[in-house]
């Protein structure tokens, strides 16, 4: 279960790092419904469309999703909240395509090209994206160029993708942009070679 699955406990992070404990009650295609547990001395969450973030701890560490509180309704001593992520794609099933473990070096370049490539390590890969770890800082929604370290593959594999998840331990998830036939061929070859390993 991920931190943003139904019944998961999360922190709703408001302005000035004001944190409110909440439980996920439902997850839709573009929103997350929450039930907030406010202490007696805390002011209610509001107004609508307040910039906020959700943080939750799962098996892979801390996940954070930026967005806004889109609606608030008081129910007895609790508040029912609708949280809308800035990037709704983070709510899609993360493993909609088969993903296989892959331990390979990777070079990442910010799409703006203002910074030198930074090194990372691929953790797993699918036809739609990859999960990796890097000491560099990336932001959700940022576009990056991904190149598998040419020393670790027979031919360099390059792709463009978008950061959809960032964790405190340096792990991040990338969704590939629609690639060329060559890109799809090499990703498929990597997946098949990874599956062939014992």
N, C-alpha and C. Protein backbone atom coordinates (compact mmCIF):
# COMPACT_ATOMS: atom_id res chain seq x y z
N UNK A 1 0.84 -1.19 0.00
CA UNK A 1 0.00 0.00 0.00
C UNK A 1 0.88 1.25 0.00
N UNK A 2 0.59 2.20 -0.85
CA UNK A 2 1.34 3.44 -0.88
C UNK A 2 0.76 4.41 0.14
N UNK A 3 1.49 5.49 0.52
CA UNK A 3 0.97 6.45 1.49
C UNK A 3 -0.31 7.12 1.02
N UNK A 4 -0.53 7.15 -0.31
CA UNK A 4 -1.70 7.85 -0.82
C UNK A 4 -2.79 6.89 -1.25
N UNK A 5 -2.77 5.68 -0.73
CA UNK A 5 -3.85 4.74 -0.95
C UNK A 5 -4.96 5.02 0.06
N UNK A 6 -6.16 4.49 -0.22
CA UNK A 6 -7.27 4.69 0.70
C UNK A 6 -6.91 4.16 2.09
N UNK A 7 -7.32 4.92 3.10
CA UNK A 7 -7.12 4.63 4.52
C UNK A 7 -5.69 4.88 4.99
N UNK A 8 -4.81 5.36 4.09
CA UNK A 8 -3.44 5.69 4.50
C UNK A 8 -3.41 6.96 5.34
N UNK A 9 -2.48 7.04 6.28
CA UNK A 9 -2.31 8.23 7.11
C UNK A 9 -1.25 9.13 6.48
N UNK A 10 -1.55 10.42 6.40
CA UNK A 10 -0.65 11.37 5.75
C UNK A 10 -0.58 12.65 6.58
N UNK A 11 0.38 13.49 6.25
CA UNK A 11 0.46 14.85 6.79
C UNK A 11 0.00 15.82 5.71
N UNK A 12 -0.92 16.69 6.05
CA UNK A 12 -1.30 17.80 5.18
C UNK A 12 -0.44 18.98 5.59
N UNK A 13 0.45 19.42 4.70
CA UNK A 13 1.41 20.47 5.02
C UNK A 13 0.90 21.79 4.44
N UNK A 14 0.60 22.73 5.34
CA UNK A 14 0.06 24.03 4.94
C UNK A 14 1.16 25.08 4.98
N UNK A 15 0.79 26.34 4.85
CA UNK A 15 1.77 27.43 4.89
C UNK A 15 2.52 27.41 6.21
N UNK A 16 3.76 27.92 6.17
CA UNK A 16 4.63 27.97 7.35
C UNK A 16 4.86 26.60 7.97
N UNK A 17 4.80 25.56 7.13
CA UNK A 17 5.04 24.18 7.57
C UNK A 17 4.06 23.73 8.66
N UNK A 18 2.87 24.29 8.64
CA UNK A 18 1.80 23.88 9.56
C UNK A 18 1.30 22.51 9.12
N UNK A 19 1.49 21.51 9.97
CA UNK A 19 1.17 20.13 9.61
C UNK A 19 -0.09 19.66 10.32
N UNK A 20 -0.96 19.01 9.54
CA UNK A 20 -2.19 18.44 10.08
C UNK A 20 -2.26 16.97 9.72
N UNK A 21 -2.50 16.12 10.71
CA UNK A 21 -2.67 14.69 10.44
C UNK A 21 -3.99 14.47 9.72
N UNK A 22 -3.98 13.57 8.75
CA UNK A 22 -5.19 13.28 7.98
C UNK A 22 -5.17 11.84 7.52
N UNK A 23 -6.36 11.35 7.20
CA UNK A 23 -6.50 10.00 6.65
C UNK A 23 -7.08 10.12 5.25
N UNK A 24 -6.51 9.36 4.30
CA UNK A 24 -7.03 9.33 2.95
C UNK A 24 -8.32 8.51 2.95
N UNK A 25 -9.41 9.11 2.48
CA UNK A 25 -10.69 8.38 2.44
C UNK A 25 -11.02 7.89 1.04
N UNK A 26 -10.49 8.54 0.02
CA UNK A 26 -10.72 8.08 -1.35
C UNK A 26 -9.69 8.74 -2.26
N UNK A 27 -9.36 8.04 -3.36
CA UNK A 27 -8.41 8.56 -4.35
C UNK A 27 -9.09 8.51 -5.71
N UNK A 28 -9.24 9.68 -6.35
CA UNK A 28 -9.83 9.75 -7.68
C UNK A 28 -8.76 9.95 -8.73
N UNK A 29 -9.19 10.23 -9.97
CA UNK A 29 -8.23 10.44 -11.05
C UNK A 29 -7.50 11.77 -10.90
N UNK A 30 -8.15 12.77 -10.28
CA UNK A 30 -7.55 14.10 -10.19
C UNK A 30 -7.58 14.67 -8.77
N UNK A 31 -7.99 13.90 -7.79
CA UNK A 31 -8.05 14.46 -6.44
C UNK A 31 -7.94 13.35 -5.39
N UNK A 32 -7.67 13.78 -4.17
CA UNK A 32 -7.61 12.89 -3.01
C UNK A 32 -8.55 13.45 -1.96
N UNK A 33 -9.44 12.63 -1.43
CA UNK A 33 -10.33 13.05 -0.35
C UNK A 33 -9.69 12.69 0.98
N UNK A 34 -9.73 13.65 1.91
CA UNK A 34 -9.08 13.48 3.20
C UNK A 34 -10.05 13.75 4.34
N UNK A 35 -9.79 13.13 5.46
CA UNK A 35 -10.46 13.47 6.70
C UNK A 35 -9.38 13.98 7.65
N UNK A 36 -9.49 15.26 8.05
CA UNK A 36 -8.45 15.89 8.86
C UNK A 36 -8.77 15.78 10.34
N UNK A 37 -7.74 15.49 11.14
CA UNK A 37 -7.90 15.39 12.59
C UNK A 37 -7.29 16.63 13.22
N UNK A 38 -8.10 17.63 13.51
CA UNK A 38 -7.60 18.88 14.09
C UNK A 38 -7.71 18.83 15.61
N UNK A 39 -6.65 19.28 16.29
CA UNK A 39 -6.71 19.42 17.75
C UNK A 39 -7.63 20.56 18.11
N UNK A 40 -8.07 20.57 19.37
CA UNK A 40 -9.03 21.59 19.81
C UNK A 40 -8.48 23.00 19.63
N UNK A 41 -7.17 23.18 19.79
CA UNK A 41 -6.59 24.51 19.71
C UNK A 41 -6.23 24.95 18.30
N UNK A 42 -6.39 24.07 17.31
CA UNK A 42 -6.00 24.40 15.95
C UNK A 42 -7.16 25.05 15.19
N UNK A 43 -6.82 26.03 14.37
CA UNK A 43 -7.85 26.66 13.54
C UNK A 43 -8.20 25.74 12.39
N UNK A 44 -9.43 25.82 11.87
CA UNK A 44 -9.81 24.96 10.74
C UNK A 44 -8.97 25.25 9.50
N UNK A 45 -8.84 24.25 8.65
CA UNK A 45 -8.14 24.44 7.39
C UNK A 45 -9.02 25.27 6.46
N UNK A 46 -8.44 26.20 5.75
CA UNK A 46 -9.19 27.03 4.82
C UNK A 46 -8.34 28.22 4.43
N UNK A 47 -8.74 29.01 3.47
CA UNK A 47 -9.92 28.85 2.63
C UNK A 47 -9.67 27.84 1.51
N UNK A 48 -10.67 27.71 0.61
CA UNK A 48 -10.50 26.82 -0.53
C UNK A 48 -9.34 27.27 -1.40
N UNK A 49 -8.73 26.31 -2.11
CA UNK A 49 -7.60 26.54 -3.00
C UNK A 49 -6.39 27.12 -2.29
N UNK A 50 -6.20 26.68 -1.06
CA UNK A 50 -4.99 27.02 -0.32
C UNK A 50 -3.86 26.11 -0.80
N UNK A 51 -2.71 26.70 -1.11
CA UNK A 51 -1.55 25.91 -1.53
C UNK A 51 -1.15 25.00 -0.38
N UNK A 52 -0.90 23.75 -0.69
CA UNK A 52 -0.57 22.77 0.34
C UNK A 52 0.21 21.63 -0.29
N UNK A 53 0.59 20.66 0.55
CA UNK A 53 1.27 19.46 0.09
C UNK A 53 0.83 18.30 0.96
N UNK A 54 0.96 17.11 0.42
CA UNK A 54 0.71 15.89 1.19
C UNK A 54 2.02 15.14 1.33
N UNK A 55 2.28 14.64 2.54
CA UNK A 55 3.45 13.81 2.78
C UNK A 55 3.00 12.53 3.45
N UNK A 56 3.57 11.43 3.01
CA UNK A 56 3.26 10.14 3.60
C UNK A 56 4.48 9.25 3.58
N UNK A 57 4.53 8.32 4.50
CA UNK A 57 5.65 7.39 4.60
C UNK A 57 5.19 6.02 4.14
N UNK A 58 5.89 5.48 3.15
CA UNK A 58 5.59 4.15 2.64
C UNK A 58 6.83 3.28 2.69
N UNK A 59 6.78 2.11 2.08
CA UNK A 59 7.92 1.19 2.10
C UNK A 59 9.18 1.79 1.49
N UNK A 60 9.02 2.74 0.56
CA UNK A 60 10.18 3.34 -0.11
C UNK A 60 10.62 4.65 0.53
N UNK A 61 10.07 5.02 1.68
CA UNK A 61 10.45 6.27 2.33
C UNK A 61 9.34 7.30 2.25
N UNK A 62 9.72 8.58 2.37
CA UNK A 62 8.76 9.68 2.40
C UNK A 62 8.43 10.12 0.98
N UNK A 63 7.14 10.21 0.67
CA UNK A 63 6.68 10.74 -0.60
C UNK A 63 5.98 12.07 -0.35
N UNK A 64 6.17 13.02 -1.26
CA UNK A 64 5.55 14.34 -1.12
C UNK A 64 4.89 14.71 -2.44
N UNK A 65 3.67 15.20 -2.37
CA UNK A 65 2.92 15.65 -3.54
C UNK A 65 2.47 17.08 -3.30
N UNK A 66 2.85 17.98 -4.23
CA UNK A 66 2.44 19.38 -4.14
C UNK A 66 1.06 19.55 -4.76
N UNK A 67 0.31 20.55 -4.25
CA UNK A 67 -1.01 20.80 -4.79
C UNK A 67 -1.73 21.88 -4.01
N UNK A 68 -3.03 21.71 -3.86
CA UNK A 68 -3.84 22.70 -3.14
C UNK A 68 -5.06 22.04 -2.54
N UNK A 69 -5.55 22.62 -1.44
CA UNK A 69 -6.81 22.20 -0.86
C UNK A 69 -7.91 22.87 -1.67
N UNK A 70 -8.71 22.06 -2.36
CA UNK A 70 -9.69 22.61 -3.30
C UNK A 70 -11.05 22.86 -2.66
N UNK A 71 -11.38 22.11 -1.62
CA UNK A 71 -12.65 22.36 -0.93
C UNK A 71 -12.55 21.84 0.50
N UNK A 72 -13.33 22.47 1.37
CA UNK A 72 -13.32 22.13 2.80
C UNK A 72 -14.76 22.06 3.29
N UNK A 73 -15.08 21.01 4.05
CA UNK A 73 -16.40 20.89 4.67
C UNK A 73 -16.22 20.34 6.07
N UNK A 74 -16.88 20.96 7.05
CA UNK A 74 -16.78 20.51 8.43
C UNK A 74 -17.81 19.43 8.70
N UNK A 75 -17.34 18.32 9.28
CA UNK A 75 -18.22 17.21 9.64
C UNK A 75 -17.92 16.86 11.08
N UNK A 76 -18.84 17.26 11.99
CA UNK A 76 -18.64 17.06 13.42
C UNK A 76 -17.31 17.71 13.84
N UNK A 77 -16.42 16.95 14.48
CA UNK A 77 -15.16 17.51 14.94
C UNK A 77 -14.06 17.42 13.89
N UNK A 78 -14.38 16.88 12.71
CA UNK A 78 -13.38 16.70 11.67
C UNK A 78 -13.70 17.60 10.48
N UNK A 79 -12.73 17.68 9.57
CA UNK A 79 -12.93 18.39 8.31
C UNK A 79 -12.75 17.42 7.15
N UNK A 80 -13.67 17.48 6.20
CA UNK A 80 -13.54 16.70 4.98
C UNK A 80 -12.92 17.61 3.93
N UNK A 81 -11.77 17.19 3.39
CA UNK A 81 -11.01 18.04 2.49
C UNK A 81 -10.85 17.36 1.13
N UNK A 82 -10.80 18.17 0.09
CA UNK A 82 -10.46 17.68 -1.25
C UNK A 82 -9.11 18.28 -1.62
N UNK A 83 -8.12 17.41 -1.84
CA UNK A 83 -6.78 17.86 -2.21
C UNK A 83 -6.57 17.57 -3.69
N UNK A 84 -6.16 18.59 -4.44
CA UNK A 84 -5.89 18.42 -5.88
C UNK A 84 -4.40 18.57 -6.12
N UNK A 85 -3.72 17.50 -6.55
CA UNK A 85 -2.29 17.60 -6.86
C UNK A 85 -2.04 18.56 -8.01
N UNK A 86 -0.90 19.23 -7.98
CA UNK A 86 -0.51 20.09 -9.09
C UNK A 86 -0.34 19.27 -10.36
N UNK A 87 0.10 18.03 -10.21
CA UNK A 87 0.27 17.12 -11.34
C UNK A 87 -0.59 15.88 -11.09
N UNK A 88 -1.80 15.81 -11.67
CA UNK A 88 -2.71 14.68 -11.41
C UNK A 88 -2.15 13.33 -11.81
N UNK A 89 -1.12 13.29 -12.66
CA UNK A 89 -0.60 11.99 -13.10
C UNK A 89 0.01 11.19 -11.95
N UNK A 90 0.34 11.85 -10.83
CA UNK A 90 0.91 11.11 -9.70
C UNK A 90 -0.12 10.16 -9.09
N UNK A 91 -1.41 10.36 -9.41
CA UNK A 91 -2.46 9.51 -8.85
C UNK A 91 -2.72 8.28 -9.69
N UNK A 92 -2.13 8.22 -10.88
CA UNK A 92 -2.33 7.05 -11.72
C UNK A 92 -1.63 5.85 -11.12
N UNK A 93 -2.10 4.69 -11.47
CA UNK A 93 -1.46 3.46 -11.00
C UNK A 93 0.00 3.48 -11.42
N UNK A 94 0.88 3.45 -10.44
CA UNK A 94 2.30 3.60 -10.73
C UNK A 94 2.87 2.41 -11.49
N UNK A 95 2.22 1.26 -11.40
CA UNK A 95 2.74 0.08 -12.08
C UNK A 95 1.76 -0.41 -13.14
N UNK A 96 1.30 0.54 -13.98
CA UNK A 96 0.38 0.18 -15.05
C UNK A 96 1.09 -0.62 -16.15
N UNK A 97 2.43 -0.54 -16.20
CA UNK A 97 3.20 -1.35 -17.14
C UNK A 97 4.18 -2.18 -16.33
N UNK A 98 4.51 -3.39 -16.79
CA UNK A 98 5.42 -4.26 -16.03
C UNK A 98 6.75 -3.56 -15.78
N UNK A 99 7.23 -3.67 -14.55
CA UNK A 99 8.47 -3.00 -14.15
C UNK A 99 9.44 -4.06 -13.66
N UNK A 100 10.69 -3.96 -14.09
CA UNK A 100 11.68 -4.94 -13.68
C UNK A 100 12.87 -4.24 -13.03
N UNK A 101 13.49 -4.93 -12.09
CA UNK A 101 14.67 -4.37 -11.42
C UNK A 101 15.81 -4.23 -12.42
N UNK A 102 16.54 -3.12 -12.32
CA UNK A 102 17.66 -2.88 -13.22
C UNK A 102 18.68 -2.02 -12.49
N UNK A 103 19.88 -2.53 -12.32
CA UNK A 103 20.94 -1.80 -11.63
C UNK A 103 21.91 -1.26 -12.68
N UNK A 104 21.70 -0.03 -13.12
CA UNK A 104 22.53 0.57 -14.16
C UNK A 104 22.81 2.03 -13.81
N UNK A 105 23.98 2.50 -14.23
CA UNK A 105 24.29 3.91 -14.08
C UNK A 105 23.46 4.75 -15.04
N UNK A 106 23.14 5.98 -14.65
CA UNK A 106 22.36 6.87 -15.48
C UNK A 106 22.87 8.29 -15.32
N UNK A 107 22.84 9.07 -16.40
CA UNK A 107 23.20 10.48 -16.37
C UNK A 107 21.94 11.30 -16.61
N UNK A 108 21.70 12.28 -15.75
CA UNK A 108 20.50 13.10 -15.83
C UNK A 108 20.88 14.54 -16.12
N UNK A 109 20.15 15.16 -17.04
CA UNK A 109 20.39 16.56 -17.39
C UNK A 109 19.08 17.31 -17.31
N UNK A 110 19.11 18.45 -16.62
CA UNK A 110 17.92 19.30 -16.57
C UNK A 110 17.56 19.76 -17.98
N UNK A 111 16.29 19.82 -18.29
CA UNK A 111 15.85 20.15 -19.65
C UNK A 111 16.36 21.51 -20.10
N UNK A 112 16.52 22.45 -19.15
CA UNK A 112 17.02 23.77 -19.51
C UNK A 112 18.47 23.72 -19.98
N UNK A 113 19.19 22.68 -19.56
CA UNK A 113 20.58 22.51 -20.00
C UNK A 113 21.57 23.44 -19.34
N UNK A 114 21.13 24.13 -18.27
CA UNK A 114 22.01 25.10 -17.62
C UNK A 114 23.04 24.42 -16.71
N UNK A 115 22.78 23.19 -16.32
CA UNK A 115 23.66 22.51 -15.38
C UNK A 115 24.28 21.28 -16.05
N UNK A 116 25.44 20.89 -15.54
CA UNK A 116 26.12 19.69 -16.06
C UNK A 116 25.32 18.44 -15.69
N UNK A 117 25.45 17.38 -16.46
CA UNK A 117 24.75 16.13 -16.12
C UNK A 117 25.17 15.64 -14.74
N UNK A 118 24.23 15.00 -14.05
CA UNK A 118 24.51 14.44 -12.73
C UNK A 118 24.28 12.94 -12.79
N UNK A 119 25.01 12.23 -11.96
CA UNK A 119 24.93 10.77 -11.97
C UNK A 119 23.80 10.27 -11.08
N UNK A 120 23.27 9.13 -11.45
CA UNK A 120 22.27 8.46 -10.65
C UNK A 120 22.37 6.96 -10.87
N UNK A 121 21.48 6.23 -10.23
CA UNK A 121 21.48 4.77 -10.37
C UNK A 121 20.05 4.31 -10.60
N UNK A 122 19.82 3.60 -11.69
CA UNK A 122 18.49 3.08 -11.99
C UNK A 122 18.17 1.95 -11.01
N UNK A 123 16.94 1.97 -10.46
CA UNK A 123 16.48 0.92 -9.56
C UNK A 123 15.59 -0.07 -10.30
N UNK A 124 14.68 0.46 -11.13
CA UNK A 124 13.88 -0.40 -11.98
C UNK A 124 13.38 0.41 -13.16
N UNK A 125 12.84 -0.29 -14.17
CA UNK A 125 12.45 0.36 -15.42
C UNK A 125 11.24 -0.35 -16.01
N UNK A 126 10.42 0.38 -16.72
CA UNK A 126 9.31 -0.18 -17.47
C UNK A 126 9.24 0.55 -18.80
N UNK A 127 8.30 0.15 -19.65
CA UNK A 127 8.15 0.83 -20.93
C UNK A 127 7.72 2.28 -20.74
N UNK A 128 7.10 2.57 -19.59
CA UNK A 128 6.59 3.92 -19.37
C UNK A 128 7.47 4.84 -18.55
N UNK A 129 8.48 4.28 -17.87
CA UNK A 129 9.31 5.13 -17.03
C UNK A 129 10.32 4.35 -16.24
N UNK A 130 10.94 5.03 -15.28
CA UNK A 130 11.93 4.36 -14.45
C UNK A 130 11.94 4.97 -13.05
N UNK A 131 12.49 4.20 -12.13
CA UNK A 131 12.70 4.67 -10.76
C UNK A 131 14.20 4.65 -10.53
N UNK A 132 14.72 5.74 -9.96
CA UNK A 132 16.16 5.85 -9.78
C UNK A 132 16.49 6.59 -8.50
N UNK A 133 17.76 6.60 -8.17
CA UNK A 133 18.22 7.35 -6.99
C UNK A 133 19.40 8.21 -7.40
N UNK A 134 19.40 9.46 -6.94
CA UNK A 134 20.47 10.40 -7.26
C UNK A 134 20.67 11.35 -6.10
N UNK A 135 21.91 11.82 -5.94
CA UNK A 135 22.21 12.80 -4.90
C UNK A 135 21.77 14.20 -5.30
N UNK A 136 21.45 14.39 -6.58
CA UNK A 136 21.02 15.71 -7.07
C UNK A 136 19.57 15.99 -6.68
N UNK A 137 19.20 17.25 -6.68
CA UNK A 137 17.84 17.65 -6.33
C UNK A 137 17.01 17.88 -7.58
N UNK A 138 15.82 17.31 -7.58
CA UNK A 138 14.88 17.50 -8.68
C UNK A 138 13.52 17.86 -8.09
N UNK A 139 12.70 18.50 -8.90
CA UNK A 139 11.37 18.91 -8.47
C UNK A 139 10.31 18.17 -9.27
N UNK A 140 9.18 17.87 -8.59
CA UNK A 140 8.07 17.23 -9.29
C UNK A 140 7.61 18.13 -10.43
N UNK A 141 7.42 17.54 -11.60
CA UNK A 141 7.00 18.30 -12.78
C UNK A 141 8.14 18.73 -13.67
N UNK A 142 9.37 18.60 -13.18
CA UNK A 142 10.54 19.03 -13.96
C UNK A 142 10.82 18.03 -15.09
N UNK A 143 11.21 18.56 -16.25
CA UNK A 143 11.58 17.71 -17.38
C UNK A 143 13.08 17.48 -17.38
N UNK A 144 13.48 16.23 -17.57
CA UNK A 144 14.90 15.88 -17.56
C UNK A 144 15.22 15.01 -18.76
N UNK A 145 16.47 15.04 -19.18
CA UNK A 145 16.98 14.13 -20.19
C UNK A 145 17.71 13.01 -19.47
N UNK A 146 17.41 11.79 -19.84
CA UNK A 146 17.96 10.61 -19.18
C UNK A 146 18.85 9.87 -20.18
N UNK A 147 20.08 9.58 -19.78
CA UNK A 147 20.98 8.79 -20.62
C UNK A 147 21.61 7.70 -19.77
N UNK A 148 21.35 6.45 -20.16
CA UNK A 148 22.02 5.35 -19.46
C UNK A 148 23.51 5.46 -19.72
N UNK A 149 24.28 5.31 -18.67
CA UNK A 149 25.72 5.42 -18.75
C UNK A 149 26.24 4.55 -19.89
N UNK A 150 26.89 5.13 -20.91
CA UNK A 150 27.34 4.33 -22.06
C UNK A 150 28.33 3.24 -21.69
N UNK A 151 28.96 3.34 -20.51
CA UNK A 151 29.87 2.29 -20.09
C UNK A 151 29.11 1.04 -19.65
N UNK A 152 27.79 1.21 -19.37
CA UNK A 152 27.03 0.06 -18.86
C UNK A 152 26.09 -0.54 -19.90
N UNK A 153 26.04 0.05 -21.10
CA UNK A 153 25.23 -0.52 -22.17
C UNK A 153 26.03 -0.52 -23.46
N UNK A 154 25.66 -1.40 -24.39
CA UNK A 154 26.42 -1.49 -25.64
C UNK A 154 26.25 -0.23 -26.48
N UNK A 155 25.06 0.38 -26.41
CA UNK A 155 24.82 1.65 -27.09
C UNK A 155 24.08 2.56 -26.13
N UNK A 156 24.42 3.85 -26.06
CA UNK A 156 23.74 4.75 -25.12
C UNK A 156 22.24 4.80 -25.41
N UNK A 157 21.44 4.82 -24.34
CA UNK A 157 19.99 4.96 -24.46
C UNK A 157 19.60 6.31 -23.91
N UNK A 158 19.03 7.15 -24.74
CA UNK A 158 18.60 8.47 -24.30
C UNK A 158 17.09 8.59 -24.34
N UNK A 159 16.54 9.32 -23.38
CA UNK A 159 15.10 9.54 -23.34
C UNK A 159 14.83 10.84 -22.59
N UNK A 160 13.66 11.40 -22.85
CA UNK A 160 13.22 12.57 -22.10
C UNK A 160 12.06 12.14 -21.22
N UNK A 161 12.03 12.67 -20.01
CA UNK A 161 10.96 12.28 -19.10
C UNK A 161 10.61 13.40 -18.14
N UNK A 162 9.57 13.14 -17.36
CA UNK A 162 9.09 14.13 -16.39
C UNK A 162 9.13 13.51 -15.00
N UNK A 163 9.65 14.27 -14.04
CA UNK A 163 9.69 13.82 -12.65
C UNK A 163 8.28 13.84 -12.08
N UNK A 164 7.80 12.69 -11.59
CA UNK A 164 6.45 12.63 -11.03
C UNK A 164 6.45 12.32 -9.54
N UNK A 165 7.60 11.93 -9.00
CA UNK A 165 7.66 11.66 -7.56
C UNK A 165 9.08 11.86 -7.09
N UNK A 166 9.23 12.52 -5.93
CA UNK A 166 10.54 12.76 -5.32
C UNK A 166 10.47 12.38 -3.86
N UNK A 167 11.46 11.66 -3.37
CA UNK A 167 11.50 11.26 -1.97
C UNK A 167 12.74 11.83 -1.30
N UNK A 168 12.68 11.90 0.03
CA UNK A 168 13.75 12.52 0.80
C UNK A 168 15.07 11.79 0.67
N UNK A 169 15.04 10.49 0.37
CA UNK A 169 16.28 9.71 0.28
C UNK A 169 16.95 9.80 -1.09
N UNK A 170 16.43 10.69 -1.97
CA UNK A 170 17.03 10.86 -3.29
C UNK A 170 16.39 10.01 -4.37
N UNK A 171 15.42 9.18 -4.00
CA UNK A 171 14.74 8.37 -5.01
C UNK A 171 13.71 9.22 -5.73
N UNK A 172 13.60 9.01 -7.03
CA UNK A 172 12.56 9.72 -7.78
C UNK A 172 12.04 8.81 -8.88
N UNK A 173 10.84 9.13 -9.35
CA UNK A 173 10.20 8.37 -10.42
C UNK A 173 10.06 9.28 -11.63
N UNK A 174 10.36 8.73 -12.79
CA UNK A 174 10.31 9.47 -14.05
C UNK A 174 9.35 8.76 -15.00
N UNK A 175 8.46 9.53 -15.62
CA UNK A 175 7.61 9.01 -16.68
C UNK A 175 8.19 9.47 -18.00
N UNK A 176 8.46 8.52 -18.90
CA UNK A 176 9.04 8.87 -20.19
C UNK A 176 8.04 9.65 -21.04
N UNK A 177 8.56 10.62 -21.80
CA UNK A 177 7.76 11.27 -22.83
C UNK A 177 7.60 10.27 -23.97
N UNK A 178 6.64 10.53 -24.85
CA UNK A 178 6.43 9.61 -25.97
C UNK A 178 7.70 9.53 -26.80
N UNK A 179 8.28 8.34 -26.86
CA UNK A 179 9.58 8.19 -27.50
C UNK A 179 9.49 7.71 -28.94
N UNK A 180 10.64 7.68 -29.60
CA UNK A 180 10.73 7.19 -30.97
C UNK A 180 10.72 5.67 -30.97
N UNK A 181 10.65 5.07 -32.15
CA UNK A 181 10.70 3.61 -32.26
C UNK A 181 12.03 3.08 -31.72
N UNK A 182 13.11 3.84 -31.95
CA UNK A 182 14.43 3.43 -31.47
C UNK A 182 14.44 3.40 -29.94
N UNK A 183 13.86 4.44 -29.34
CA UNK A 183 13.78 4.50 -27.88
C UNK A 183 13.02 3.29 -27.34
N UNK A 184 11.84 3.01 -27.92
CA UNK A 184 11.03 1.89 -27.43
C UNK A 184 11.76 0.56 -27.62
N UNK A 185 12.51 0.43 -28.70
CA UNK A 185 13.26 -0.80 -28.96
C UNK A 185 14.30 -1.04 -27.87
N UNK A 186 15.06 0.00 -27.53
CA UNK A 186 16.12 -0.17 -26.55
C UNK A 186 15.58 -0.36 -25.14
N UNK A 187 14.47 0.32 -24.80
CA UNK A 187 13.85 0.09 -23.49
C UNK A 187 13.37 -1.35 -23.40
N UNK A 188 12.72 -1.82 -24.44
CA UNK A 188 12.24 -3.20 -24.46
C UNK A 188 13.41 -4.18 -24.33
N UNK A 189 14.52 -3.88 -25.01
CA UNK A 189 15.69 -4.76 -24.93
C UNK A 189 16.26 -4.77 -23.51
N UNK A 190 16.31 -3.61 -22.86
CA UNK A 190 16.79 -3.55 -21.48
C UNK A 190 15.90 -4.38 -20.55
N UNK A 191 14.58 -4.25 -20.73
CA UNK A 191 13.64 -4.99 -19.88
C UNK A 191 13.82 -6.49 -20.07
N UNK A 192 13.94 -6.91 -21.33
CA UNK A 192 14.11 -8.35 -21.59
C UNK A 192 15.43 -8.87 -21.04
N UNK A 193 16.50 -8.07 -21.15
CA UNK A 193 17.80 -8.52 -20.63
C UNK A 193 17.77 -8.59 -19.10
N UNK A 194 17.06 -7.64 -18.46
CA UNK A 194 16.97 -7.66 -17.00
C UNK A 194 16.19 -8.87 -16.52
N UNK A 195 15.12 -9.22 -17.24
CA UNK A 195 14.32 -10.39 -16.86
C UNK A 195 15.11 -11.68 -17.05
N UNK A 196 16.04 -11.70 -18.00
CA UNK A 196 16.80 -12.92 -18.30
C UNK A 196 17.82 -13.22 -17.23
N UNK A 197 18.19 -12.20 -16.43
CA UNK A 197 19.21 -12.42 -15.39
C UNK A 197 18.60 -13.23 -14.24
N UNK A 198 19.39 -14.13 -13.63
CA UNK A 198 18.88 -14.94 -12.51
C UNK A 198 18.64 -14.07 -11.28
